[in-house]
Amino acid sequence: MLAAAGAVTGALPLILASGAQADQVAWIKPLGWSTVLGVVITVAVAVLCARLARARVPESARDSALPARVSLAAVALPLCAVPQIGLAVVSLVKPLYITRYVLFAYVGFALLVGVLLATIIGRVRAHPRVLLPATAVLAVLALLPIELRLRTAESRVDDVLTAAAIVGRVRHGADGVLYIPAARRDTALVSPHVFAGLRDLALAQGPVESGTLKGVEAGPGAIEQAVPDARGIVLVTDAGPLHADSARDRAKLRALDEHFVRRSMSVARGRQVSVYERVR
């Protein structure tokens, strides 16, 4: 507890300073069921392993000549569970959960699985030279489909290049563009030539003028006044149900619903591109 308090105190200035750069993680998607299920299964297996006698009883406690120390379960279980569950809970308010951010937590999971293997070796009396290689082979075979899927183009959930290519195909007749949320403006930042000629109807200052990553948007009132001036609008959003979490995004949707009708919609690899035509 004292070590954790010291670490948080030392990192507090960095935490406060980095809060102003929250847009750098605005690309992270909300928690999906597959992510939640992965966390639940990992923590559940860790809890079951922590209940084993070898995990709950310190090694030194078996020898009365040595003072008792903290058990492996007391160290490994919080290391496995707290980072994953904590970041998942925070992500319910602000999406921040990425597996690589909590990769260190799997050290605790590995320690507890090691206790399980040691218990199995003791009960079935299998030689470690046989059981350990067999377990490693089974683990590799079980994880191989996931590993191969992660290395395919389809595994990307925020493919900005594909979204930009769709914009290039469907933008005919449109002269404006909107992004919901504003972080989806990264689609234009990586492929500016595709968006040439499309007015960013919500942007007040670009990245260069504002000194920010994606620029600064105008207020809701200014956005609602600018949107009806366009003949057609390309809307870039996330795939799935459209969420307007800010006043600016709600203003964009109000203006679209009042003055435009959706002509087409394309979805690919985590991004959705819709084309709106002004109601005559």
Protein backbone atom coordinates (compact mmCIF):
# COMPACT_ATOMS: atom_id res chain seq x y z
CA MET A 1 0.00 0.00 0.00
CA LEU A 2 2.79 2.42 0.88
CA ALA A 3 4.63 1.58 -2.34
CA ALA A 4 1.47 2.18 -4.40
CA ALA A 5 0.84 5.51 -2.65
CA GLY A 6 4.41 6.61 -3.33
CA ALA A 7 4.13 5.65 -7.00
CA VAL A 8 0.87 7.57 -7.43
CA THR A 9 2.29 10.63 -5.65
CA GLY A 10 5.39 10.62 -7.83
CA ALA A 11 3.37 10.22 -11.03
CA LEU A 12 0.72 12.79 -10.09
CA PRO A 13 2.42 15.78 -11.83
CA LEU A 14 2.70 13.74 -15.05
CA ILE A 15 -0.95 12.67 -14.76
CA LEU A 16 -2.12 16.27 -14.34
CA ALA A 17 0.06 17.56 -17.18
CA SER A 18 -1.01 14.83 -19.61
CA GLY A 19 -4.69 15.49 -18.92
CA ALA A 20 -4.55 18.40 -21.37
CA GLN A 21 -3.47 15.98 -24.13
CA ALA A 22 -6.45 13.64 -23.83
CA ASP A 23 -7.14 13.92 -27.58
CA GLN A 24 -4.21 11.58 -28.20
CA VAL A 25 -6.37 8.68 -26.98
CA ALA A 26 -9.62 9.89 -28.54
CA TRP A 27 -9.33 7.14 -31.17
CA ILE A 28 -9.93 4.38 -28.60
CA LYS A 29 -13.29 2.67 -29.10
CA PRO A 30 -15.82 1.97 -26.32
CA LEU A 31 -15.63 -1.41 -24.65
CA GLY A 32 -16.92 -4.28 -26.77
CA TRP A 33 -18.40 -7.52 -25.52
CA SER A 34 -15.36 -9.47 -26.71
CA THR A 35 -13.07 -7.27 -24.59
CA VAL A 36 -15.31 -7.55 -21.53
CA LEU A 37 -15.52 -11.32 -21.95
CA GLY A 38 -11.73 -11.57 -22.21
CA VAL A 39 -11.28 -9.62 -18.96
CA VAL A 40 -13.91 -11.70 -17.16
CA ILE A 41 -12.40 -15.02 -18.26
CA THR A 42 -8.84 -13.98 -17.39
CA VAL A 43 -9.78 -12.72 -13.93
CA ALA A 44 -12.03 -15.73 -13.27
CA VAL A 45 -9.23 -18.18 -14.09
CA ALA A 46 -6.86 -16.15 -11.91
CA VAL A 47 -9.30 -16.28 -8.97
CA LEU A 48 -9.69 -20.05 -9.30
CA CYS A 49 -5.91 -20.53 -9.39
CA ALA A 50 -5.50 -18.25 -6.37
CA ARG A 51 -7.68 -20.59 -4.32
CA LEU A 52 -5.17 -23.41 -4.65
CA ALA A 53 -3.22 -24.26 -1.51
CA ARG A 54 0.14 -23.59 -3.15
CA ALA A 55 -0.96 -20.05 -3.99
CA ARG A 56 -2.44 -19.23 -0.56
CA VAL A 57 0.31 -20.63 1.66
CA PRO A 58 3.67 -18.86 1.58
CA GLU A 59 6.63 -21.14 0.84
CA SER A 60 8.41 -19.98 4.00
CA ALA A 61 5.41 -20.98 6.14
CA ARG A 62 6.17 -24.63 5.46
CA ASP A 63 9.43 -24.25 7.33
CA SER A 64 8.92 -23.05 10.90
CA ALA A 65 12.52 -21.82 11.03
CA LEU A 66 11.69 -19.05 8.54
CA PRO A 67 9.31 -16.14 9.13
CA ALA A 68 6.02 -16.24 7.18
CA ARG A 69 5.88 -14.03 4.10
CA VAL A 70 3.15 -12.80 1.76
CA SER A 71 1.55 -15.55 -0.31
CA LEU A 72 1.81 -15.67 -4.07
CA ALA A 73 -1.97 -15.19 -4.40
CA ALA A 74 -1.82 -11.95 -2.40
CA VAL A 75 0.61 -10.51 -4.95
CA ALA A 76 -0.37 -12.12 -8.26
CA LEU A 77 -4.17 -11.84 -8.04
CA PRO A 78 -4.30 -8.05 -7.51
CA LEU A 79 -1.60 -7.62 -10.16
CA CYS A 80 -3.78 -9.53 -12.64
CA ALA A 81 -7.21 -8.21 -11.69
CA VAL A 82 -6.89 -4.59 -10.54
CA PRO A 83 -5.34 -3.03 -13.70
CA GLN A 84 -7.76 -4.81 -16.04
CA ILE A 85 -10.92 -4.24 -14.03
CA GLY A 86 -9.92 -0.68 -13.09
CA LEU A 87 -9.27 0.40 -16.68
CA ALA A 88 -12.42 -1.37 -17.88
CA VAL A 89 -14.53 0.50 -15.31
CA VAL A 90 -12.93 3.83 -16.26
CA SER A 91 -13.66 3.03 -19.92
CA LEU A 92 -17.38 3.00 -19.17
CA VAL A 93 -17.05 6.77 -18.76
CA LYS A 94 -14.11 7.52 -21.06
CA PRO A 95 -12.95 4.78 -23.49
CA LEU A 96 -9.33 4.02 -22.58
CA TYR A 97 -9.10 0.22 -22.56
CA ILE A 98 -6.44 -1.22 -24.84
CA THR A 99 -4.95 -4.61 -24.05
CA ARG A 100 -1.36 -3.39 -24.39
CA TYR A 101 -2.02 -0.77 -21.69
CA VAL A 102 -2.57 -3.57 -19.15
CA LEU A 103 -0.18 -6.13 -20.62
CA PHE A 104 1.91 -6.10 -17.42
CA ALA A 105 -1.09 -7.54 -15.57
CA TYR A 106 -0.55 -10.86 -17.32
CA VAL A 107 2.57 -11.35 -15.21
CA GLY A 108 0.24 -12.04 -12.28
CA PHE A 109 -1.87 -14.32 -14.48
CA ALA A 110 1.24 -16.29 -15.52
CA LEU A 111 2.32 -16.75 -11.90
CA LEU A 112 -1.08 -18.15 -10.94
CA VAL A 113 -1.18 -20.46 -13.95
CA GLY A 114 2.27 -21.66 -12.87
CA VAL A 115 0.83 -22.59 -9.48
CA LEU A 116 -1.91 -24.56 -11.27
CA LEU A 117 0.69 -26.47 -13.28
CA ALA A 118 2.73 -27.19 -10.15
CA THR A 119 -0.39 -28.54 -8.44
CA ILE A 120 -1.19 -30.76 -11.43
CA ILE A 121 2.36 -32.10 -11.48
CA GLY A 122 2.11 -32.99 -7.80
CA ARG A 123 -1.23 -34.75 -8.14
CA VAL A 124 -0.79 -36.71 -11.38
CA ARG A 125 2.89 -37.28 -10.69
CA ALA A 126 3.79 -36.27 -14.25
CA HIS A 127 7.39 -35.31 -14.88
CA PRO A 128 7.83 -31.55 -15.45
CA ARG A 129 9.93 -32.26 -18.54
CA VAL A 130 6.83 -33.80 -20.12
CA LEU A 131 4.01 -31.65 -18.71
CA LEU A 132 5.54 -28.22 -19.27
CA PRO A 133 6.38 -28.67 -22.98
CA ALA A 134 2.96 -30.24 -23.56
CA THR A 135 1.26 -27.27 -21.87
CA ALA A 136 3.28 -24.81 -23.94
CA VAL A 137 2.30 -26.57 -27.17
CA LEU A 138 -1.39 -26.57 -26.21
CA ALA A 139 -1.23 -22.86 -25.33
CA VAL A 140 0.37 -22.01 -28.68
CA LEU A 141 -2.24 -24.02 -30.60
CA ALA A 142 -5.09 -22.43 -28.64
CA LEU A 143 -3.81 -18.89 -29.24
CA LEU A 144 -2.70 -19.39 -32.85
CA PRO A 145 -6.08 -18.44 -34.45
CA ILE A 146 -6.17 -15.21 -32.43
CA GLU A 147 -2.55 -14.44 -33.31
CA LEU A 148 -3.17 -14.95 -37.02
CA ARG A 149 -6.34 -12.82 -36.96
CA LEU A 150 -4.50 -9.92 -35.32
CA ARG A 151 -2.13 -9.82 -38.28
CA THR A 152 -4.82 -9.43 -40.92
CA ALA A 153 -6.15 -6.17 -42.33
CA GLU A 154 -9.65 -7.10 -41.11
CA SER A 155 -8.49 -6.91 -37.48
CA ARG A 156 -8.15 -3.13 -37.69
CA VAL A 157 -11.09 -1.36 -36.10
CA ASP A 158 -10.16 2.19 -37.10
CA ASP A 159 -8.82 1.94 -40.64
CA VAL A 160 -8.64 5.59 -41.68
CA LEU A 161 -7.18 4.80 -45.11
CA THR A 162 -10.14 2.62 -46.07
CA ALA A 163 -12.57 5.29 -44.83
CA ALA A 164 -10.74 7.94 -46.87
CA ALA A 165 -10.93 5.73 -49.97
CA ILE A 166 -14.70 5.42 -49.48
CA VAL A 167 -15.00 9.19 -49.22
CA GLY A 168 -13.17 9.51 -52.54
CA ARG A 169 -15.69 7.18 -54.20
CA VAL A 170 -18.95 8.59 -52.80
CA ARG A 171 -18.30 12.33 -52.39
CA HIS A 172 -19.64 13.34 -55.82
CA GLY A 173 -21.93 16.34 -55.49
CA ALA A 174 -20.94 17.09 -51.89
CA ASP A 175 -19.14 20.27 -50.94
CA GLY A 176 -18.99 19.92 -47.13
CA VAL A 177 -17.82 17.41 -44.56
CA LEU A 178 -18.62 16.73 -40.89
CA TYR A 179 -17.08 14.40 -38.31
CA ILE A 180 -18.83 12.77 -35.34
CA PRO A 181 -17.03 12.69 -32.98
CA ALA A 182 -14.52 15.39 -33.88
CA ALA A 183 -11.66 12.90 -33.42
CA ARG A 184 -12.73 11.20 -36.67
CA ARG A 185 -11.17 14.18 -38.43
CA ASP A 186 -8.04 12.04 -38.49
CA THR A 187 -9.50 10.48 -41.66
CA ALA A 188 -8.83 13.75 -43.48
CA LEU A 189 -5.51 14.44 -41.77
CA VAL A 190 -3.93 11.25 -43.15
CA SER A 191 -5.43 11.64 -46.66
CA PRO A 192 -5.91 15.40 -47.22
CA HIS A 193 -5.95 15.05 -51.03
CA VAL A 194 -9.14 12.96 -50.84
CA PHE A 195 -10.93 15.75 -48.96
CA ALA A 196 -9.71 18.57 -51.22
CA GLY A 197 -12.66 20.81 -52.09
CA LEU A 198 -14.79 19.70 -49.14
CA ARG A 199 -15.38 22.46 -46.60
CA ASP A 200 -14.99 21.38 -42.97
CA LEU A 201 -18.25 22.95 -41.80
CA ALA A 202 -17.57 22.63 -38.06
CA LEU A 203 -13.90 23.66 -37.96
CA ALA A 204 -13.06 27.10 -36.56
CA GLN A 205 -9.26 26.74 -36.46
CA GLY A 206 -7.06 24.16 -38.15
CA PRO A 207 -4.31 22.21 -36.38
CA VAL A 208 -1.59 24.68 -37.39
CA GLU A 209 -3.49 27.80 -36.30
CA SER A 210 -4.68 26.30 -33.01
CA GLY A 211 -1.54 24.33 -32.18
CA THR A 212 -3.58 21.18 -31.61
CA LEU A 213 -3.68 17.71 -33.14
CA LYS A 214 -7.00 18.00 -34.98
CA GLY A 215 -7.97 21.67 -34.78
CA VAL A 216 -10.70 23.44 -32.82
CA GLU A 217 -14.37 23.29 -33.73
CA ALA A 218 -16.78 26.22 -33.62
CA GLY A 219 -19.61 26.50 -31.13
CA PRO A 220 -22.93 24.67 -31.59
CA GLY A 221 -24.70 27.78 -32.86
CA ALA A 222 -22.08 28.54 -35.50
CA ILE A 223 -22.15 24.92 -36.66
CA GLU A 224 -25.94 24.95 -37.07
CA GLN A 225 -25.66 28.10 -39.18
CA ALA A 226 -22.86 26.75 -41.38
CA VAL A 227 -24.32 23.32 -42.19
CA PRO A 228 -27.39 24.47 -44.22
CA ASP A 229 -25.13 26.40 -46.62
CA ALA A 230 -23.76 23.18 -48.13
CA ARG A 231 -25.30 21.44 -51.16
CA GLY A 232 -24.23 18.01 -49.95
CA ILE A 233 -22.35 16.73 -46.91
CA VAL A 234 -20.09 13.77 -46.26
CA LEU A 235 -20.39 12.53 -42.68
CA VAL A 236 -17.57 10.41 -41.21
CA THR A 237 -18.44 8.53 -38.02
CA ASP A 238 -17.77 5.29 -36.19
CA ALA A 239 -19.47 2.12 -37.34
CA GLY A 240 -22.58 1.19 -35.41
CA PRO A 241 -25.16 3.38 -33.66
CA LEU A 242 -24.42 7.08 -33.96
CA HIS A 243 -23.61 8.69 -30.60
CA ALA A 244 -23.63 12.48 -30.16
CA ASP A 245 -21.90 12.97 -26.82
CA SER A 246 -21.18 16.70 -27.07
CA ALA A 247 -23.22 19.82 -27.76
CA ARG A 248 -21.33 20.35 -31.02
CA ASP A 249 -22.12 16.84 -32.25
CA ARG A 250 -25.79 17.23 -31.33
CA ALA A 251 -25.86 20.49 -33.29
CA LYS A 252 -24.46 18.68 -36.34
CA LEU A 253 -27.16 16.03 -36.13
CA ARG A 254 -29.94 18.59 -35.68
CA ALA A 255 -28.84 20.52 -38.75
CA LEU A 256 -28.55 17.34 -40.81
CA ASP A 257 -31.98 16.07 -39.76
CA GLU A 258 -33.62 19.43 -40.49
CA HIS A 259 -32.07 20.30 -43.85
CA PHE A 260 -30.69 17.08 -45.37
CA VAL A 261 -31.62 13.53 -46.26
CA ARG A 262 -29.17 10.64 -46.30
CA ARG A 263 -28.44 9.41 -49.81
CA SER A 264 -25.96 6.59 -49.11
CA MET A 265 -24.08 4.88 -46.28
CA SER A 266 -20.91 2.76 -46.39
CA VAL A 267 -19.33 0.86 -43.49
CA ALA A 268 -15.84 -0.67 -43.48
CA ARG A 269 -13.40 -1.63 -40.73
CA GLY A 270 -14.74 0.49 -37.92
CA ARG A 271 -15.67 3.61 -39.87
CA GLN A 272 -18.94 4.72 -41.45
CA VAL A 273 -19.21 7.21 -44.31
CA SER A 274 -22.61 8.70 -45.13
CA VAL A 275 -23.51 11.17 -47.87
CA TYR A 276 -26.32 13.67 -47.24
CA GLU A 277 -28.19 15.70 -49.85
CA ARG A 278 -29.97 18.94 -49.04
CA VAL A 279 -33.74 18.77 -49.06
CA ARG A 280 -35.11 20.84 -51.92
